[in-house]
Amino acid sequence: MFVIMGATGKVGGAALETLKQRGTALRAVVRDPARAQGLGVETVRGDASETESLAAAFTGAEAAFVMLVPPYQAQDVVAQSRVMARSIAAAVRAAGVPHVVALSSVGAHLHEGNGIVQVLHDFEAALADAAPSLVFLRPGEFLENWAAMLPVAREAGVLPSGKLALDKRHEAVSALDVGRVAADLLLDPRPGTRIVDLAGPAPYSALDAAAVLSRLLGKPVTAVPSSREQSVAALVAAGLGADYAAKLAELDEAINAGRLDFPPSDDLRRGTVTLDAVLQRLVGGG
């Protein structure tokens, strides 16, 4: 039996559906069971900050997919995420899970200068040696992150981007590919700790995204630069806490500086879902 955290989200949901198609016995760990009624698998309540509930959810698992979602409203996102990371790791150890796949990120090898990815550096540190077989899955930025800019693209015909220059292409990947690769890795236990990097089928720029949106929306969409101050203000207006918004802006700065490029890798994989397919799904409300 495999245990999946975040099963109602994009990545965890894709992992769950992939494994369901393969006939794997599954248990979904969710904070709100009401949101998981249509999953079609065993569901249990579990919270990243509640070690005992997580340990109970992991009990009997032959493999587990674990993830840490930083608290959007925390006054100190890194500090609170560190508590959650230690809780998840303690639950894995207490339950004796033999094989763990942990969602991390490109840039998690850096202990500073990586924005919000700092929390995943700490997550990896907390999970070190937590299971006999351990995989850190480090995808690039999610292509689905463009969803936050869709309203202004529809209304004003502009696509703000904190990534400069606008024509520079960066590695990014769909959350659907991340979930599918996570499922593959859950089915492939090996002794020791591995790092698997994951990029999309090709790198993309803000200009590429604007061109696709222009076609999909049937109107011109122009990519425009967004300063740190503008990015933070827009994120706060969208409902994020000030500290989380600042960490996301720092992430853009790290990308611009090249600190979040994939380092030399023994296992760099590429997904199949294109920017076009992701934006088409988002524009259609998917």
Foldseek 3Di string as FASTA:
>chain_A
DEEEEPCLDLQSVLLLVLVVVVVDQYEYEDQDVVSCPPSPHHYAYDDLLDLVRLLVRCAPHQEYEDEFDFDQADPARLVVLLNSLLSNLSSLLSRQHAAYEYEAAQLLVDCDLQFPSNSRVSSCVSNVVSHQFYEYEHEYAALLVQLLQVVCCLVPQEREDQAPPQFDWDWHAHSSQNNNVSNVVRVPTDGDYYYAYETAPDTGGNQRLQVLVCVLSVHHHYYDYDHLVRQLVSVVVVPGHSSNSNSVSSNSVCVNVVSRHHDDHPHYYYHYQDSNNSVNCSVVVD
